[in-house]
Amino acid sequence: MSSIPESSVQRQYHPITLGELFETDEHGEPKLFNSDDDRASTQLEYRIPEHQRYPAWSQEKKSKLLDSVFRNYTMSGFVVSEHFDITNGEKYYDFEDGQTRLTILQSFYNNNIPFMSPGCSVAEGLYYDDLSHVQQQRFNRYKISLEILSRSKNKENFYDDIQIMFERLQAV
């Protein structure tokens, strides 16, 4: 007879706005997340792990993502895994799913890529700084939900479980 496996991962949900996630300090340095940071050495609370691929989306796909934010369409699939830095004892989170979208959204927020309406040329595109204050606030207040994966009690294979989960997600 088959046995049902025990739960090995805890799941929680945490809402956060793009403005909170991309907030900078008085020197313009990101406080929580920076997609441009060196993946191996960043000390921010939200990180992109080294095993994640780098974004390779077309400008059209990037603009559709930004259009979804401005229209307040739902966006799912932001999954982070919880970790502890043994050097300083602080908790941090690795983006396991959704990091490409966040990287693109932060690139727009940092004025590195334009939003382009269909049929628009790059020269006609709008950068974050081109937006009115009200439009910037709409972008900043856009909420995403982070699904936080953490280790269940007495489970040693948490990192193996994360790998298995995402292999299964990619296979479906």
N, C-alpha and C. Protein backbone atom coordinates (compact mmCIF):
# COMPACT_ATOMS: atom_id res chain seq x y z
N MET A 1 0.84 -1.18 0.00
CA MET A 1 0.00 0.00 0.00
C MET A 1 0.89 1.25 0.00
N SER A 2 0.52 2.25 -0.80
CA SER A 2 1.27 3.51 -0.87
C SER A 2 1.09 4.31 0.41
N SER A 3 2.12 5.07 0.72
CA SER A 3 2.00 5.96 1.87
C SER A 3 2.00 7.41 1.37
N ILE A 4 1.24 8.23 2.03
CA ILE A 4 1.15 9.64 1.68
C ILE A 4 2.38 10.35 2.28
N PRO A 5 3.10 11.13 1.47
CA PRO A 5 4.29 11.81 2.01
C PRO A 5 3.92 12.92 2.98
N GLU A 6 4.83 13.19 3.89
CA GLU A 6 4.65 14.28 4.84
C GLU A 6 4.92 15.61 4.13
N SER A 7 4.30 16.65 4.66
CA SER A 7 4.56 18.00 4.16
C SER A 7 6.00 18.37 4.53
N SER A 8 6.73 18.89 3.56
CA SER A 8 8.12 19.24 3.83
C SER A 8 8.38 20.73 3.70
N VAL A 9 7.38 21.47 3.26
CA VAL A 9 7.55 22.90 3.04
C VAL A 9 6.37 23.65 3.64
N GLN A 10 6.65 24.74 4.32
CA GLN A 10 5.60 25.63 4.79
C GLN A 10 5.42 26.74 3.76
N ARG A 11 4.16 27.20 3.60
CA ARG A 11 3.87 28.25 2.63
C ARG A 11 3.10 29.36 3.32
N GLN A 12 3.55 30.59 3.10
CA GLN A 12 2.87 31.78 3.60
C GLN A 12 2.77 32.78 2.45
N TYR A 13 1.85 33.73 2.59
CA TYR A 13 1.69 34.75 1.56
C TYR A 13 1.89 36.12 2.17
N HIS A 14 2.61 36.96 1.45
CA HIS A 14 2.92 38.31 1.94
C HIS A 14 2.70 39.30 0.81
N PRO A 15 1.73 40.23 0.98
CA PRO A 15 1.56 41.27 -0.05
C PRO A 15 2.60 42.37 0.12
N ILE A 16 3.07 42.91 -0.99
CA ILE A 16 4.03 44.02 -0.97
C ILE A 16 3.82 44.83 -2.24
N THR A 17 4.01 46.13 -2.16
CA THR A 17 3.88 46.97 -3.35
C THR A 17 5.22 47.06 -4.07
N LEU A 18 5.16 47.41 -5.35
CA LEU A 18 6.41 47.61 -6.10
C LEU A 18 7.21 48.75 -5.48
N GLY A 19 6.53 49.80 -5.03
CA GLY A 19 7.23 50.91 -4.40
C GLY A 19 7.99 50.50 -3.16
N GLU A 20 7.40 49.61 -2.34
CA GLU A 20 8.09 49.13 -1.14
C GLU A 20 9.31 48.29 -1.53
N LEU A 21 9.12 47.41 -2.50
CA LEU A 21 10.19 46.50 -2.90
C LEU A 21 11.36 47.23 -3.56
N PHE A 22 11.05 48.30 -4.32
CA PHE A 22 12.07 49.03 -5.06
C PHE A 22 12.55 50.29 -4.34
N GLU A 23 12.08 50.53 -3.12
CA GLU A 23 12.43 51.75 -2.39
C GLU A 23 13.95 51.89 -2.25
N THR A 24 14.39 53.14 -2.29
CA THR A 24 15.81 53.44 -2.13
C THR A 24 16.03 54.31 -0.90
N ASP A 25 17.27 54.33 -0.41
CA ASP A 25 17.61 55.18 0.73
C ASP A 25 17.95 56.59 0.25
N GLU A 26 18.41 57.44 1.16
CA GLU A 26 18.71 58.84 0.83
C GLU A 26 19.85 58.99 -0.17
N HIS A 27 20.64 57.93 -0.39
CA HIS A 27 21.74 57.96 -1.35
C HIS A 27 21.35 57.30 -2.68
N GLY A 28 20.08 56.89 -2.80
CA GLY A 28 19.61 56.25 -4.02
C GLY A 28 19.92 54.77 -4.10
N GLU A 29 20.36 54.18 -2.99
CA GLU A 29 20.68 52.76 -2.96
C GLU A 29 19.44 51.95 -2.58
N PRO A 30 19.17 50.86 -3.29
CA PRO A 30 18.00 50.03 -2.95
C PRO A 30 18.07 49.50 -1.52
N LYS A 31 16.90 49.49 -0.85
CA LYS A 31 16.83 49.01 0.53
C LYS A 31 16.55 47.51 0.63
N LEU A 32 15.67 46.98 -0.23
CA LEU A 32 15.25 45.58 -0.10
C LEU A 32 15.67 44.69 -1.26
N PHE A 33 15.69 45.22 -2.49
CA PHE A 33 15.91 44.39 -3.67
C PHE A 33 16.63 45.22 -4.73
N ASN A 34 17.62 44.60 -5.38
CA ASN A 34 18.29 45.24 -6.49
C ASN A 34 18.68 44.16 -7.49
N SER A 35 17.98 44.16 -8.61
CA SER A 35 18.24 43.13 -9.62
C SER A 35 19.62 43.28 -10.25
N ASP A 36 20.24 44.43 -10.08
CA ASP A 36 21.59 44.66 -10.65
C ASP A 36 22.71 44.20 -9.73
N ASP A 37 22.39 43.84 -8.49
CA ASP A 37 23.43 43.41 -7.54
C ASP A 37 24.11 42.13 -8.01
N ASP A 38 25.35 41.99 -7.61
CA ASP A 38 26.08 40.74 -7.82
C ASP A 38 25.35 39.65 -7.04
N ARG A 39 24.91 38.63 -7.72
CA ARG A 39 24.09 37.59 -7.11
C ARG A 39 24.82 36.83 -6.00
N ALA A 40 26.10 36.77 -6.08
CA ALA A 40 26.86 36.00 -5.08
C ALA A 40 27.16 36.80 -3.83
N SER A 41 27.09 38.14 -3.90
CA SER A 41 27.54 38.91 -2.75
C SER A 41 26.51 39.89 -2.17
N THR A 42 25.34 40.00 -2.75
CA THR A 42 24.36 40.97 -2.24
C THR A 42 23.96 40.63 -0.80
N GLN A 43 23.68 41.66 -0.03
CA GLN A 43 23.25 41.48 1.36
C GLN A 43 21.84 41.99 1.58
N LEU A 44 21.10 42.28 0.49
CA LEU A 44 19.74 42.79 0.63
C LEU A 44 18.79 41.68 1.08
N GLU A 45 17.63 42.07 1.57
CA GLU A 45 16.67 41.09 2.09
C GLU A 45 16.09 40.19 1.00
N TYR A 46 15.86 40.75 -0.20
CA TYR A 46 15.34 39.97 -1.33
C TYR A 46 16.44 39.88 -2.37
N ARG A 47 16.70 38.64 -2.83
CA ARG A 47 17.85 38.38 -3.70
C ARG A 47 17.46 37.48 -4.87
N ILE A 48 18.27 37.56 -5.91
CA ILE A 48 18.14 36.63 -7.03
C ILE A 48 19.28 35.63 -6.87
N PRO A 49 18.94 34.36 -6.69
CA PRO A 49 20.01 33.37 -6.50
C PRO A 49 20.80 33.15 -7.79
N GLU A 50 22.01 32.66 -7.62
CA GLU A 50 22.91 32.46 -8.76
C GLU A 50 22.36 31.49 -9.80
N HIS A 51 21.51 30.54 -9.39
CA HIS A 51 21.03 29.54 -10.34
C HIS A 51 19.95 30.08 -11.28
N GLN A 52 19.44 31.29 -11.03
CA GLN A 52 18.39 31.84 -11.89
C GLN A 52 18.99 32.35 -13.19
N ARG A 53 18.24 32.20 -14.26
CA ARG A 53 18.70 32.69 -15.56
C ARG A 53 18.49 34.20 -15.64
N TYR A 54 19.19 34.83 -16.57
CA TYR A 54 19.07 36.27 -16.77
C TYR A 54 17.93 36.53 -17.75
N PRO A 55 17.19 37.64 -17.56
CA PRO A 55 16.04 37.95 -18.42
C PRO A 55 16.43 38.10 -19.88
N ALA A 56 15.59 37.58 -20.76
CA ALA A 56 15.83 37.69 -22.20
C ALA A 56 14.51 37.95 -22.92
N TRP A 57 13.73 38.89 -22.41
CA TRP A 57 12.43 39.19 -23.00
C TRP A 57 12.56 40.25 -24.09
N SER A 58 11.66 40.18 -25.06
CA SER A 58 11.59 41.20 -26.12
C SER A 58 11.00 42.48 -25.52
N GLN A 59 11.21 43.61 -26.21
CA GLN A 59 10.63 44.89 -25.76
C GLN A 59 9.11 44.80 -25.73
N GLU A 60 8.53 44.08 -26.67
CA GLU A 60 7.07 43.94 -26.71
C GLU A 60 6.56 43.22 -25.45
N LYS A 61 7.23 42.17 -25.07
CA LYS A 61 6.81 41.43 -23.88
C LYS A 61 7.00 42.26 -22.61
N LYS A 62 8.09 43.03 -22.55
CA LYS A 62 8.31 43.92 -21.42
C LYS A 62 7.20 44.96 -21.32
N SER A 63 6.83 45.54 -22.46
CA SER A 63 5.78 46.55 -22.46
C SER A 63 4.43 45.96 -22.07
N LYS A 64 4.16 44.72 -22.46
CA LYS A 64 2.91 44.07 -22.05
C LYS A 64 2.88 43.88 -20.53
N LEU A 65 4.03 43.54 -19.95
CA LEU A 65 4.11 43.40 -18.50
C LEU A 65 3.81 44.74 -17.83
N LEU A 66 4.43 45.81 -18.31
CA LEU A 66 4.18 47.14 -17.75
C LEU A 66 2.74 47.56 -17.96
N ASP A 67 2.18 47.25 -19.12
CA ASP A 67 0.78 47.55 -19.41
C ASP A 67 -0.12 46.85 -18.39
N SER A 68 0.21 45.61 -18.05
CA SER A 68 -0.58 44.87 -17.05
C SER A 68 -0.57 45.57 -15.69
N VAL A 69 0.58 46.13 -15.32
CA VAL A 69 0.67 46.86 -14.05
C VAL A 69 -0.21 48.11 -14.11
N PHE A 70 -0.10 48.88 -15.19
CA PHE A 70 -0.88 50.12 -15.28
C PHE A 70 -2.38 49.84 -15.35
N ARG A 71 -2.76 48.70 -15.91
CA ARG A 71 -4.18 48.33 -15.96
C ARG A 71 -4.64 47.66 -14.66
N ASN A 72 -3.71 47.42 -13.75
CA ASN A 72 -3.98 46.75 -12.48
C ASN A 72 -4.44 45.30 -12.68
N TYR A 73 -3.93 44.66 -13.73
CA TYR A 73 -4.22 43.25 -13.95
C TYR A 73 -3.49 42.42 -12.89
N THR A 74 -4.01 41.27 -12.60
CA THR A 74 -3.37 40.40 -11.63
C THR A 74 -2.09 39.79 -12.21
N MET A 75 -1.17 39.52 -11.31
CA MET A 75 0.10 38.91 -11.70
C MET A 75 0.42 37.86 -10.64
N SER A 76 0.59 36.65 -11.04
CA SER A 76 0.87 35.60 -10.06
C SER A 76 2.29 35.06 -10.26
N GLY A 77 2.69 34.20 -9.35
CA GLY A 77 3.95 33.49 -9.54
C GLY A 77 5.18 34.13 -8.95
N PHE A 78 5.06 34.92 -7.89
CA PHE A 78 6.24 35.43 -7.22
C PHE A 78 6.49 34.54 -6.01
N VAL A 79 7.49 33.71 -6.13
CA VAL A 79 7.78 32.73 -5.09
C VAL A 79 9.20 32.97 -4.58
N VAL A 80 9.31 33.05 -3.25
CA VAL A 80 10.61 33.23 -2.61
C VAL A 80 10.84 32.10 -1.62
N SER A 81 12.09 31.74 -1.45
CA SER A 81 12.45 30.76 -0.43
C SER A 81 13.17 31.49 0.69
N GLU A 82 12.85 31.10 1.91
CA GLU A 82 13.41 31.75 3.10
C GLU A 82 14.73 31.10 3.49
N HIS A 83 15.70 31.94 3.83
CA HIS A 83 17.03 31.47 4.22
C HIS A 83 17.54 32.30 5.40
N PHE A 84 18.57 31.81 6.05
CA PHE A 84 19.22 32.55 7.13
C PHE A 84 20.70 32.68 6.82
N ASP A 85 21.19 33.89 6.93
CA ASP A 85 22.60 34.17 6.71
C ASP A 85 23.34 33.84 8.01
N ILE A 86 24.16 32.82 7.98
CA ILE A 86 24.83 32.39 9.22
C ILE A 86 25.88 33.38 9.70
N THR A 87 26.36 34.26 8.81
CA THR A 87 27.38 35.23 9.22
C THR A 87 26.79 36.35 10.07
N ASN A 88 25.52 36.74 9.78
CA ASN A 88 24.93 37.84 10.56
C ASN A 88 23.61 37.44 11.23
N GLY A 89 23.15 36.21 11.01
CA GLY A 89 21.93 35.73 11.65
C GLY A 89 20.65 36.33 11.12
N GLU A 90 20.72 37.03 9.98
CA GLU A 90 19.54 37.68 9.42
C GLU A 90 18.85 36.80 8.38
N LYS A 91 17.55 36.97 8.30
CA LYS A 91 16.73 36.25 7.33
C LYS A 91 16.80 36.97 5.98
N TYR A 92 16.82 36.20 4.89
CA TYR A 92 16.72 36.77 3.55
C TYR A 92 15.92 35.82 2.68
N TYR A 93 15.53 36.32 1.51
CA TYR A 93 14.66 35.56 0.62
C TYR A 93 15.25 35.53 -0.79
N ASP A 94 15.26 34.34 -1.39
CA ASP A 94 15.69 34.17 -2.78
C ASP A 94 14.47 34.08 -3.67
N PHE A 95 14.46 34.83 -4.77
CA PHE A 95 13.37 34.71 -5.74
C PHE A 95 13.57 33.42 -6.53
N GLU A 96 12.63 32.52 -6.38
CA GLU A 96 12.65 31.25 -7.09
C GLU A 96 11.80 31.31 -8.35
N ASP A 97 10.78 32.14 -8.35
CA ASP A 97 9.92 32.30 -9.52
C ASP A 97 9.43 33.73 -9.57
N GLY A 98 9.50 34.34 -10.75
CA GLY A 98 9.05 35.71 -10.94
C GLY A 98 10.16 36.73 -11.00
N GLN A 99 11.42 36.28 -10.88
CA GLN A 99 12.52 37.24 -10.85
C GLN A 99 12.69 37.98 -12.18
N THR A 100 12.37 37.35 -13.31
CA THR A 100 12.48 38.06 -14.59
C THR A 100 11.51 39.23 -14.63
N ARG A 101 10.27 38.99 -14.19
CA ARG A 101 9.29 40.08 -14.18
C ARG A 101 9.73 41.20 -13.24
N LEU A 102 10.23 40.84 -12.06
CA LEU A 102 10.67 41.89 -11.12
C LEU A 102 11.87 42.65 -11.65
N THR A 103 12.77 41.97 -12.31
CA THR A 103 13.94 42.63 -12.90
C THR A 103 13.49 43.66 -13.94
N ILE A 104 12.53 43.28 -14.77
CA ILE A 104 12.02 44.19 -15.81
C ILE A 104 11.29 45.36 -15.16
N LEU A 105 10.46 45.08 -14.16
CA LEU A 105 9.73 46.16 -13.49
C LEU A 105 10.70 47.13 -12.80
N GLN A 106 11.75 46.60 -12.19
CA GLN A 106 12.73 47.47 -11.55
C GLN A 106 13.53 48.25 -12.60
N SER A 107 13.81 47.65 -13.73
CA SER A 107 14.50 48.37 -14.81
C SER A 107 13.68 49.57 -15.28
N PHE A 108 12.36 49.39 -15.37
CA PHE A 108 11.50 50.52 -15.72
C PHE A 108 11.54 51.57 -14.61
N TYR A 109 11.39 51.14 -13.37
CA TYR A 109 11.42 52.04 -12.21
C TYR A 109 12.72 52.85 -12.17
N ASN A 110 13.82 52.24 -12.59
CA ASN A 110 15.13 52.88 -12.59
C ASN A 110 15.43 53.63 -13.90
N ASN A 111 14.42 53.78 -14.76
CA ASN A 111 14.56 54.51 -16.03
C ASN A 111 15.50 53.86 -17.03
N ASN A 112 15.63 52.55 -16.98
CA ASN A 112 16.52 51.86 -17.90
C ASN A 112 15.81 51.33 -19.14
N ILE A 113 14.50 51.15 -19.06
CA ILE A 113 13.73 50.69 -20.22
C ILE A 113 12.45 51.53 -20.30
N PRO A 114 11.94 51.74 -21.54
CA PRO A 114 10.70 52.51 -21.68
C PRO A 114 9.47 51.61 -21.72
N PHE A 115 8.33 52.21 -21.40
CA PHE A 115 7.05 51.58 -21.68
C PHE A 115 6.65 52.07 -23.06
N MET A 116 6.31 51.12 -23.94
CA MET A 116 5.92 51.49 -25.30
C MET A 116 4.54 50.91 -25.60
N SER A 117 3.63 51.78 -26.02
CA SER A 117 2.33 51.32 -26.47
C SER A 117 2.52 50.55 -27.78
N PRO A 118 1.58 49.65 -28.12
CA PRO A 118 1.70 48.91 -29.39
C PRO A 118 1.88 49.86 -30.57
N GLY A 119 2.83 49.53 -31.44
CA GLY A 119 3.10 50.33 -32.63
C GLY A 119 3.98 51.54 -32.39
N CYS A 120 4.39 51.74 -31.17
CA CYS A 120 5.23 52.87 -30.76
C CYS A 120 6.69 52.55 -31.03
N SER A 121 7.48 53.56 -31.33
CA SER A 121 8.93 53.36 -31.44
C SER A 121 9.57 53.63 -30.09
N VAL A 122 10.82 53.20 -29.93
CA VAL A 122 11.52 53.42 -28.67
C VAL A 122 11.59 54.91 -28.37
N ALA A 123 11.76 55.73 -29.40
CA ALA A 123 11.85 57.18 -29.21
C ALA A 123 10.55 57.75 -28.63
N GLU A 124 9.43 57.07 -28.87
CA GLU A 124 8.13 57.53 -28.37
C GLU A 124 7.78 56.90 -27.01
N GLY A 125 8.62 55.99 -26.55
CA GLY A 125 8.35 55.31 -25.29
C GLY A 125 8.46 56.24 -24.10
N LEU A 126 7.81 55.85 -23.02
CA LEU A 126 7.83 56.63 -21.79
C LEU A 126 8.65 55.92 -20.72
N TYR A 127 9.55 56.66 -20.10
CA TYR A 127 10.31 56.16 -18.98
C TYR A 127 9.60 56.55 -17.69
N TYR A 128 9.97 55.89 -16.60
CA TYR A 128 9.33 56.16 -15.31
C TYR A 128 9.34 57.66 -14.99
N ASP A 129 10.48 58.33 -15.19
CA ASP A 129 10.58 59.76 -14.88
C ASP A 129 9.72 60.63 -15.79
N ASP A 130 9.26 60.09 -16.94
CA ASP A 130 8.37 60.83 -17.83
C ASP A 130 6.92 60.82 -17.33
N LEU A 131 6.60 59.93 -16.41
CA LEU A 131 5.23 59.80 -15.92
C LEU A 131 4.89 60.95 -14.99
N SER A 132 3.60 61.26 -14.92
CA SER A 132 3.14 62.24 -13.94
C SER A 132 3.28 61.61 -12.55
N HIS A 133 3.21 62.43 -11.52
CA HIS A 133 3.30 61.93 -10.15
C HIS A 133 2.19 60.90 -9.90
N VAL A 134 1.00 61.17 -10.39
CA VAL A 134 -0.14 60.25 -10.19
C VAL A 134 0.15 58.90 -10.88
N GLN A 135 0.69 58.93 -12.09
CA GLN A 135 1.02 57.69 -12.80
C GLN A 135 2.13 56.92 -12.08
N GLN A 136 3.13 57.64 -11.58
CA GLN A 136 4.19 56.98 -10.82
C GLN A 136 3.62 56.31 -9.57
N GLN A 137 2.70 56.97 -8.90
CA GLN A 137 2.09 56.40 -7.70
C GLN A 137 1.26 55.16 -8.04
N ARG A 138 0.59 55.17 -9.18
CA ARG A 138 -0.14 53.96 -9.61
C ARG A 138 0.81 52.79 -9.76
N PHE A 139 1.96 53.04 -10.37
CA PHE A 139 2.97 52.00 -10.52
C PHE A 139 3.47 51.56 -9.15
N ASN A 140 3.83 52.51 -8.31
CA ASN A 140 4.40 52.21 -6.99
C ASN A 140 3.44 51.45 -6.09
N ARG A 141 2.14 51.71 -6.22
CA ARG A 141 1.16 51.07 -5.34
C ARG A 141 0.69 49.71 -5.86
N TYR A 142 1.18 49.29 -7.01
CA TYR A 142 0.78 48.00 -7.55
C TYR A 142 1.24 46.91 -6.58
N LYS A 143 0.29 46.07 -6.16
CA LYS A 143 0.60 45.02 -5.18
C LYS A 143 0.88 43.69 -5.86
N ILE A 144 1.90 43.04 -5.34
CA ILE A 144 2.18 41.66 -5.72
C ILE A 144 2.09 40.82 -4.45
N SER A 145 1.91 39.55 -4.64
CA SER A 145 1.87 38.65 -3.50
C SER A 145 3.07 37.72 -3.59
N LEU A 146 3.86 37.72 -2.53
CA LEU A 146 4.99 36.81 -2.46
C LEU A 146 4.55 35.55 -1.74
N GLU A 147 4.77 34.42 -2.36
CA GLU A 147 4.56 33.15 -1.69
C GLU A 147 5.90 32.77 -1.07
N ILE A 148 5.92 32.69 0.24
CA ILE A 148 7.17 32.43 0.96
C ILE A 148 7.23 30.96 1.34
N LEU A 149 8.25 30.29 0.84
CA LEU A 149 8.47 28.88 1.15
C LEU A 149 9.52 28.79 2.25
N SER A 150 9.19 28.06 3.29
CA SER A 150 10.17 27.86 4.36
C SER A 150 10.18 26.40 4.77
N ARG A 151 11.20 26.05 5.47
CA ARG A 151 11.42 24.67 5.90
C ARG A 151 10.39 24.25 6.94
N SER A 152 9.79 23.10 6.74
CA SER A 152 8.94 22.52 7.79
C SER A 152 9.85 22.02 8.91
N LYS A 153 9.30 21.93 10.09
CA LYS A 153 10.09 21.46 11.24
C LYS A 153 10.67 20.08 10.97
N ASN A 154 11.89 19.90 11.38
CA ASN A 154 12.58 18.61 11.31
C ASN A 154 12.78 18.09 9.88
N LYS A 155 12.80 18.98 8.91
CA LYS A 155 13.04 18.56 7.53
C LYS A 155 14.40 19.05 7.08
N GLU A 156 15.22 18.14 6.64
CA GLU A 156 16.59 18.48 6.24
C GLU A 156 16.71 18.74 4.74
N ASN A 157 15.76 18.31 3.96
CA ASN A 157 15.89 18.35 2.50
C ASN A 157 15.14 19.52 1.86
N PHE A 158 15.05 20.66 2.53
CA PHE A 158 14.33 21.84 2.04
C PHE A 158 14.81 22.27 0.66
N TYR A 159 16.11 22.36 0.45
CA TYR A 159 16.64 22.83 -0.83
C TYR A 159 16.38 21.82 -1.94
N ASP A 160 16.40 20.54 -1.62
CA ASP A 160 16.02 19.52 -2.60
C ASP A 160 14.55 19.67 -2.98
N ASP A 161 13.71 19.93 -1.98
CA ASP A 161 12.28 20.11 -2.24
C ASP A 161 12.01 21.30 -3.15
N ILE A 162 12.73 22.40 -2.95
CA ILE A 162 12.56 23.57 -3.81
C ILE A 162 12.91 23.21 -5.25
N GLN A 163 14.01 22.52 -5.44
CA GLN A 163 14.42 22.12 -6.78
C GLN A 163 13.38 21.21 -7.42
N ILE A 164 12.88 20.26 -6.68
CA ILE A 164 11.85 19.33 -7.19
C ILE A 164 10.59 20.11 -7.58
N MET A 165 10.16 21.03 -6.70
CA MET A 165 8.95 21.82 -6.98
C MET A 165 9.05 22.53 -8.32
N PHE A 166 10.17 23.20 -8.56
CA PHE A 166 10.28 23.99 -9.77
C PHE A 166 10.55 23.15 -11.00
N GLU A 167 11.16 22.00 -10.85
CA GLU A 167 11.26 21.07 -11.98
C GLU A 167 9.87 20.61 -12.38
N ARG A 168 9.03 20.33 -11.38
CA ARG A 168 7.65 19.90 -11.68
C ARG A 168 6.86 21.03 -12.30
N LEU A 169 7.02 22.25 -11.82
CA LEU A 169 6.30 23.38 -12.41
C LEU A 169 6.68 23.58 -13.87
N GLN A 170 7.95 23.42 -14.18
CA GLN A 170 8.41 23.61 -15.55
C GLN A 170 7.97 22.49 -16.48
N ALA A 171 7.68 21.34 -15.92
CA ALA A 171 7.29 20.18 -16.73
C ALA A 171 5.81 20.15 -17.08
N VAL A 172 5.02 20.96 -16.39
CA VAL A 172 3.56 20.94 -16.60
C VAL A 172 3.19 21.82 -17.76
